């Protein structure tokens, strides 16, 4: 596994990169795609959603810690 990103810019870059990869995957779908391709796409979407929610939580915690200082 990779190192967790904690800086906001790094997190945004990770999300952009993941989204670009997903867009490329979606573009590659065609009439030869099968259920496994769609299941992999769904899993990738779930992973991206989890990462977005994790980063949002990190940002909220960071903002709260700054305002409480």
Protein backbone atom coordinates (compact mmCIF):
# COMPACT_ATOMS: atom_id res chain seq x y z
CA UNK A 1 0.00 0.00 0.00
CA UNK A 2 1.03 3.56 -0.60
CA UNK A 3 1.71 6.27 1.93
CA UNK A 4 -1.39 8.14 3.10
CA UNK A 5 -1.68 11.71 1.80
CA UNK A 6 -2.34 14.30 4.46
CA UNK A 7 -1.77 17.55 2.57
CA UNK A 8 -4.77 19.08 0.81
CA UNK A 9 -3.01 19.61 -2.54
CA UNK A 10 -1.74 16.06 -2.54
CA UNK A 11 -5.20 14.73 -1.76
CA UNK A 12 -6.76 16.74 -4.58
CA UNK A 13 -4.11 15.45 -6.99
CA UNK A 14 -4.85 11.87 -5.94
CA UNK A 15 -8.57 12.41 -6.54
CA UNK A 16 -7.96 13.99 -9.96
CA UNK A 17 -5.69 11.13 -10.96
CA UNK A 18 -8.21 8.51 -9.83
CA UNK A 19 -11.00 10.31 -11.70
CA UNK A 20 -8.95 10.45 -14.88
CA UNK A 21 -8.25 6.73 -14.60
CA UNK A 22 -11.96 6.04 -14.12
CA UNK A 23 -12.83 8.18 -17.14
CA UNK A 24 -10.31 6.26 -19.22
CA UNK A 25 -11.80 2.97 -18.00
CA UNK A 26 -15.32 4.12 -18.87
CA UNK A 27 -14.17 5.25 -22.32
CA UNK A 28 -12.75 1.77 -22.94
CA UNK A 29 -16.09 0.05 -22.32
CA UNK A 30 -17.77 -1.24 -25.46
CA UNK A 31 -19.94 -4.08 -26.73
CA UNK A 32 -17.25 -6.59 -25.76
CA UNK A 33 -17.38 -5.51 -22.09
CA UNK A 34 -18.75 -8.11 -19.72
CA UNK A 35 -20.19 -8.26 -16.23
CA UNK A 36 -16.70 -8.54 -14.70
CA UNK A 37 -15.71 -5.26 -16.38
CA UNK A 38 -18.77 -3.57 -14.89
CA UNK A 39 -18.12 -5.09 -11.47
CA UNK A 40 -14.53 -3.79 -11.55
CA UNK A 41 -15.85 -0.35 -12.53
CA UNK A 42 -18.34 -0.43 -9.66
CA UNK A 43 -15.57 -1.43 -7.23
CA UNK A 44 -13.39 1.41 -8.49
CA UNK A 45 -16.24 3.87 -7.99
CA UNK A 46 -16.76 2.59 -4.44
CA UNK A 47 -13.04 2.99 -3.71
CA UNK A 48 -13.06 6.54 -5.08
CA UNK A 49 -16.11 7.42 -3.00
CA UNK A 50 -14.43 6.06 0.12
CA UNK A 51 -11.33 8.14 -0.59
CA UNK A 52 -13.40 11.30 -1.16
CA UNK A 53 -15.22 10.76 2.13
CA UNK A 54 -11.93 10.08 3.95
CA UNK A 55 -10.35 13.26 2.60
CA UNK A 56 -13.46 15.28 3.47
CA UNK A 57 -13.27 13.95 7.04
CA UNK A 58 -9.56 14.81 7.20
CA UNK A 59 -10.24 18.35 6.00
CA UNK A 60 -13.06 18.85 8.49
CA UNK A 61 -10.89 17.61 11.36
CA UNK A 62 -8.05 19.88 10.23
CA UNK A 63 -10.34 22.92 10.05
CA UNK A 64 -11.79 22.15 13.48
CA UNK A 65 -8.34 21.78 15.02
CA UNK A 66 -7.25 25.10 13.52
CA UNK A 67 -10.32 26.95 14.76
CA UNK A 68 -9.92 25.46 18.22
CA UNK A 69 -6.33 26.65 18.56
